[in-house]
Amino acid sequence: MGVEPTAASWLSRVTALRWTVKDSFVRYVQGSGGSVTVVAPASVLDTGITFPASGERGGLHRFAGGIVFSAHGGMLAVAIAEPAIADAGPDFVLSVADVRAPHSDDARRPIATLRLDSLEDTEATMTPSLTIAGSATFGMTYPEGFDMDPLTVTLARS
């Protein structure tokens, strides 16, 4: 990886976030007759869901769109909406809009800490480890500290 630039220098260049969430979870939802719905402007690619960058506000590097997992007649319902990355010291934090608080633009849930695995000129790869709020988001299916699938942040060239 070489010399790491400060987080501020590479986070300021984000153009998109790409994430499969957890492949086994997606397979479970689809295999149980459930649905995986992508909310624009997010889009589906072979490499996962791509959320375009929507700017920085309040120290959060935000992405637009979402994905909703639903199964078992709505008993399983998970929404990953408007993800954002914040620099939180030695780690980073992945948060999502709290869809249960629709009247607040700033209501967010920190669902994972992010470990920076690699940093290249045009992308950074990070592994999300669920927080207790992230575990609750997934219905306590995965415990706090559980690693989800890695995510990739694409970066504009420096």
C-alpha atoms as a PDB file:
ATOM      1  CA  MET A   1       0.000   0.000   0.000  1.00  0.00           C
ATOM      2  CA  GLY A   2       2.949   2.340   0.468  1.00  0.00           C
ATOM      3  CA  VAL A   3       2.643   5.644   2.299  1.00  0.00           C
ATOM      4  CA  GLU A   4      -0.968   6.272   3.204  1.00  0.00           C
ATOM      5  CA  PRO A   5      -2.308   9.728   2.475  1.00  0.00           C
ATOM      6  CA  THR A   6      -4.491  11.247   5.142  1.00  0.00           C
ATOM      7  CA  ALA A   7      -8.100  10.104   5.115  1.00  0.00           C
ATOM      8  CA  ALA A   8      -9.243  13.602   4.249  1.00  0.00           C
ATOM      9  CA  SER A   9      -7.168  13.583   1.073  1.00  0.00           C
ATOM     10  CA  TRP A  10      -8.591  10.365  -0.355  1.00  0.00           C
ATOM     11  CA  LEU A  11     -12.114  10.599   1.074  1.00  0.00           C
ATOM     12  CA  SER A  12     -12.498  13.965  -0.647  1.00  0.00           C
ATOM     13  CA  ARG A  13     -12.095  12.126  -3.989  1.00  0.00           C
ATOM     14  CA  VAL A  14     -14.898   9.550  -3.590  1.00  0.00           C
ATOM     15  CA  THR A  15     -17.092   9.024  -6.646  1.00  0.00           C
ATOM     16  CA  ALA A  16     -19.017   5.880  -5.698  1.00  0.00           C
ATOM     17  CA  LEU A  17     -19.364   3.065  -3.178  1.00  0.00           C
ATOM     18  CA  ARG A  18     -19.720  -0.525  -4.428  1.00  0.00           C
ATOM     19  CA  TRP A  19     -20.901  -3.264  -2.044  1.00  0.00           C
ATOM     20  CA  THR A  20     -22.419  -6.740  -2.211  1.00  0.00           C
ATOM     21  CA  VAL A  21     -23.467  -6.413   1.487  1.00  0.00           C
ATOM     22  CA  LYS A  22     -23.245 -10.140   2.334  1.00  0.00           C
ATOM     23  CA  ASP A  23     -23.510 -12.616  -0.520  1.00  0.00           C
ATOM     24  CA  SER A  24     -24.951 -15.387   1.667  1.00  0.00           C
ATOM     25  CA  PHE A  25     -27.632 -12.991   2.995  1.00  0.00           C
ATOM     26  CA  VAL A  26     -28.636 -11.971  -0.545  1.00  0.00           C
ATOM     27  CA  ARG A  27     -28.824 -15.655  -1.581  1.00  0.00           C
ATOM     28  CA  TYR A  28     -30.940 -16.432   1.495  1.00  0.00           C
ATOM     29  CA  VAL A  29     -33.404 -13.615   0.768  1.00  0.00           C
ATOM     30  CA  GLN A  30     -33.724 -14.560  -2.894  1.00  0.00           C
ATOM     31  CA  GLY A  31     -33.896 -18.306  -2.117  1.00  0.00           C
ATOM     32  CA  SER A  32     -36.732 -17.787   0.362  1.00  0.00           C
ATOM     33  CA  GLY A  33     -38.861 -16.103  -2.298  1.00  0.00           C
ATOM     34  CA  GLY A  34     -38.048 -12.644  -1.012  1.00  0.00           C
ATOM     35  CA  SER A  35     -36.968  -9.613  -2.951  1.00  0.00           C
ATOM     36  CA  VAL A  36     -33.927  -7.402  -3.283  1.00  0.00           C
ATOM     37  CA  THR A  37     -34.954  -3.961  -4.525  1.00  0.00           C
ATOM     38  CA  VAL A  38     -32.448  -1.334  -5.573  1.00  0.00           C
ATOM     39  CA  VAL A  39     -33.521   2.267  -5.033  1.00  0.00           C
ATOM     40  CA  ALA A  40     -32.240   4.754  -7.643  1.00  0.00           C
ATOM     41  CA  PRO A  41     -29.849   6.304  -8.224  1.00  0.00           C
ATOM     42  CA  ALA A  42     -28.075   3.215  -6.860  1.00  0.00           C
ATOM     43  CA  SER A  43     -27.634   0.541  -9.515  1.00  0.00           C
ATOM     44  CA  VAL A  44     -26.770  -3.138  -9.804  1.00  0.00           C
ATOM     45  CA  LEU A  45     -23.509  -4.273 -11.380  1.00  0.00           C
ATOM     46  CA  ASP A  46     -21.864  -7.707 -11.423  1.00  0.00           C
ATOM     47  CA  THR A  47     -19.621  -6.465  -8.630  1.00  0.00           C
ATOM     48  CA  GLY A  48     -22.461  -5.387  -6.332  1.00  0.00           C
ATOM     49  CA  ILE A  49     -24.683  -2.418  -5.736  1.00  0.00           C
ATOM     50  CA  THR A  50     -23.150   0.905  -6.760  1.00  0.00           C
ATOM     51  CA  PHE A  51     -24.135   3.997  -4.808  1.00  0.00           C
ATOM     52  CA  PRO A  52     -23.014   7.263  -6.493  1.00  0.00           C
ATOM     53  CA  ALA A  53     -21.373   9.897  -4.298  1.00  0.00           C
ATOM     54  CA  SER A  54     -23.714  12.710  -3.305  1.00  0.00           C
ATOM     55  CA  GLY A  55     -21.259  15.017  -1.544  1.00  0.00           C
ATOM     56  CA  GLU A  56     -19.806  15.703   1.873  1.00  0.00           C
ATOM     57  CA  ARG A  57     -21.772  17.245   4.704  1.00  0.00           C
ATOM     58  CA  GLY A  58     -20.997  17.360   8.390  1.00  0.00           C
ATOM     59  CA  GLY A  59     -17.937  15.146   8.024  1.00  0.00           C
ATOM     60  CA  LEU A  60     -19.926  12.450   6.233  1.00  0.00           C
ATOM     61  CA  HIS A  61     -18.997  11.401   2.719  1.00  0.00           C
ATOM     62  CA  ARG A  62     -22.462  10.505   1.447  1.00  0.00           C
ATOM     63  CA  PHE A  63     -23.775   8.223  -1.259  1.00  0.00           C
ATOM     64  CA  ALA A  64     -27.214   8.228  -2.880  1.00  0.00           C
ATOM     65  CA  GLY A  65     -29.774   5.497  -3.308  1.00  0.00           C
ATOM     66  CA  GLY A  66     -30.449   2.338  -1.411  1.00  0.00           C
ATOM     67  CA  ILE A  67     -31.227  -1.340  -1.334  1.00  0.00           C
ATOM     68  CA  VAL A  68     -34.136  -3.038   0.414  1.00  0.00           C
ATOM     69  CA  PHE A  69     -34.212  -6.723   1.332  1.00  0.00           C
ATOM     70  CA  SER A  70     -37.620  -8.211   2.100  1.00  0.00           C
ATOM     71  CA  ALA A  71     -38.726 -11.772   2.812  1.00  0.00           C
ATOM     72  CA  HIS A  72     -41.175 -13.856   4.829  1.00  0.00           C
ATOM     73  CA  GLY A  73     -44.125 -11.587   4.113  1.00  0.00           C
ATOM     74  CA  GLY A  74     -42.257  -8.534   5.415  1.00  0.00           C
ATOM     75  CA  MET A  75     -41.073 -10.169   8.647  1.00  0.00           C
ATOM     76  CA  LEU A  76     -37.541  -9.760   7.287  1.00  0.00           C
ATOM     77  CA  ALA A  77     -37.038  -6.172   6.151  1.00  0.00           C
ATOM     78  CA  VAL A  78     -33.609  -4.576   5.876  1.00  0.00           C
ATOM     79  CA  ALA A  79     -33.001  -1.173   4.287  1.00  0.00           C
ATOM     80  CA  ILE A  80     -29.553   0.161   3.442  1.00  0.00           C
ATOM     81  CA  ALA A  81     -30.364   3.767   2.501  1.00  0.00           C
ATOM     82  CA  GLU A  82     -28.044   6.636   1.654  1.00  0.00           C
ATOM     83  CA  PRO A  83     -24.838   5.126   3.074  1.00  0.00           C
ATOM     84  CA  ALA A  84     -22.090   7.441   4.298  1.00  0.00           C
ATOM     85  CA  ILE A  85     -18.500   7.056   5.442  1.00  0.00           C
ATOM     86  CA  ALA A  86     -16.971   9.102   8.258  1.00  0.00           C
ATOM     87  CA  ASP A  87     -13.370   9.218   9.398  1.00  0.00           C
ATOM     88  CA  ALA A  88     -13.479   8.250  13.077  1.00  0.00           C
ATOM     89  CA  GLY A  89      -9.839   8.266  14.092  1.00  0.00           C
ATOM     90  CA  PRO A  90      -8.030   5.009  13.494  1.00  0.00           C
ATOM     91  CA  ASP A  91     -11.140   3.501  11.881  1.00  0.00           C
ATOM     92  CA  PHE A  92     -13.894   4.668   9.600  1.00  0.00           C
ATOM     93  CA  VAL A  93     -17.626   4.332  10.228  1.00  0.00           C
ATOM     94  CA  LEU A  94     -20.317   3.293   7.757  1.00  0.00           C
ATOM     95  CA  SER A  95     -23.709   4.770   8.573  1.00  0.00           C
ATOM     96  CA  VAL A  96     -27.076   4.635   6.823  1.00  0.00           C
ATOM     97  CA  ALA A  97     -30.108   6.876   6.871  1.00  0.00           C
ATOM     98  CA  ASP A  98     -32.548   5.798   9.562  1.00  0.00           C
ATOM     99  CA  VAL A  99     -35.648   5.110   7.486  1.00  0.00           C
ATOM    100  CA  ARG A 100     -37.664   4.886  10.708  1.00  0.00           C
ATOM    101  CA  ALA A 101     -37.141   8.641  11.191  1.00  0.00           C
ATOM    102  CA  PRO A 102     -38.450   9.951   7.842  1.00  0.00           C
ATOM    103  CA  HIS A 103     -38.758  13.571   8.966  1.00  0.00           C
ATOM    104  CA  SER A 104     -35.088  14.005   9.781  1.00  0.00           C
ATOM    105  CA  ASP A 105     -32.422  14.393   7.116  1.00  0.00           C
ATOM    106  CA  ASP A 106     -29.723  13.759   9.702  1.00  0.00           C
ATOM    107  CA  ALA A 107     -31.056  10.662  11.510  1.00  0.00           C
ATOM    108  CA  ARG A 108     -28.416   8.010  10.869  1.00  0.00           C
ATOM    109  CA  ARG A 109     -27.434   4.599  12.237  1.00  0.00           C
ATOM    110  CA  PRO A 110     -23.740   3.650  12.444  1.00  0.00           C
ATOM    111  CA  ILE A 111     -23.976   0.077  11.149  1.00  0.00           C
ATOM    112  CA  ALA A 112     -20.288  -0.846  10.822  1.00  0.00           C
ATOM    113  CA  THR A 113     -16.742   0.133  11.524  1.00  0.00           C
ATOM    114  CA  LEU A 114     -14.605  -0.022   8.397  1.00  0.00           C
ATOM    115  CA  ARG A 115     -11.095  -1.407   8.243  1.00  0.00           C
ATOM    116  CA  LEU A 116      -9.036  -0.016   5.377  1.00  0.00           C
ATOM    117  CA  ASP A 117      -7.656  -3.082   3.583  1.00  0.00           C
ATOM    118  CA  SER A 118      -6.098  -1.435   0.555  1.00  0.00           C
ATOM    119  CA  LEU A 119      -5.730   2.013  -0.919  1.00  0.00           C
ATOM    120  CA  GLU A 120      -4.825   2.576  -4.557  1.00  0.00           C
ATOM    121  CA  ASP A 121      -4.980   5.704  -6.689  1.00  0.00           C
ATOM    122  CA  THR A 122      -8.516   4.994  -7.947  1.00  0.00           C
ATOM    123  CA  GLU A 123     -10.059   2.847  -5.194  1.00  0.00           C
ATOM    124  CA  ALA A 124     -10.028   1.886  -1.549  1.00  0.00           C
ATOM    125  CA  THR A 125     -11.199  -1.490  -0.253  1.00  0.00           C
ATOM    126  CA  MET A 126     -12.632  -1.710   3.255  1.00  0.00           C
ATOM    127  CA  THR A 127     -14.069  -4.488   5.406  1.00  0.00           C
ATOM    128  CA  PRO A 128     -17.193  -3.572   7.391  1.00  0.00           C
ATOM    129  CA  SER A 129     -17.531  -5.083  10.890  1.00  0.00           C
ATOM    130  CA  LEU A 130     -21.029  -4.740  12.267  1.00  0.00           C
ATOM    131  CA  THR A 131     -21.757  -2.499  15.238  1.00  0.00           C
ATOM    132  CA  ILE A 132     -24.588  -3.394  17.603  1.00  0.00           C
ATOM    133  CA  ALA A 133     -26.815  -1.093  15.508  1.00  0.00           C
ATOM    134  CA  GLY A 134     -25.686  -2.975  12.394  1.00  0.00           C
ATOM    135  CA  SER A 135     -26.472  -6.296  14.006  1.00  0.00           C
ATOM    136  CA  ALA A 136     -29.955  -4.977  14.861  1.00  0.00           C
ATOM    137  CA  THR A 137     -30.375  -3.742  11.275  1.00  0.00           C
ATOM    138  CA  PHE A 138     -29.956  -7.338  10.125  1.00  0.00           C
ATOM    139  CA  GLY A 139     -32.375  -8.659  12.757  1.00  0.00           C
ATOM    140  CA  MET A 140     -29.540  -9.883  15.005  1.00  0.00           C
ATOM    141  CA  THR A 141     -28.766 -12.546  12.359  1.00  0.00           C
ATOM    142  CA  TYR A 142     -25.116 -11.508  12.499  1.00  0.00           C
ATOM    143  CA  PRO A 143     -23.458 -10.586  15.814  1.00  0.00           C
ATOM    144  CA  GLU A 144     -21.670  -7.358  16.614  1.00  0.00           C
ATOM    145  CA  GLY A 145     -18.145  -7.538  15.174  1.00  0.00           C
ATOM    146  CA  PHE A 146     -19.202  -9.827  12.294  1.00  0.00           C
ATOM    147  CA  ASP A 147     -17.420  -9.012   9.018  1.00  0.00           C
ATOM    148  CA  MET A 148     -19.704  -8.346   6.081  1.00  0.00           C
ATOM    149  CA  ASP A 149     -18.454  -8.515   2.472  1.00  0.00           C
ATOM    150  CA  PRO A 150     -15.742  -5.966   1.653  1.00  0.00           C
ATOM    151  CA  LEU A 151     -16.822  -2.727   0.006  1.00  0.00           C
ATOM    152  CA  THR A 152     -14.962  -0.675  -2.546  1.00  0.00           C
ATOM    153  CA  VAL A 153     -14.915   3.100  -2.751  1.00  0.00           C
ATOM    154  CA  THR A 154     -13.991   4.405  -6.176  1.00  0.00           C
ATOM    155  CA  LEU A 155     -11.888   7.556  -6.259  1.00  0.00           C
ATOM    156  CA  ALA A 156     -11.285  10.287  -8.773  1.00  0.00           C
ATOM    157  CA  ARG A 157      -7.663  10.363  -9.865  1.00  0.00           C
ATOM    158  CA  SER A 158      -5.482  12.598  -7.739  1.00  0.00           C
END
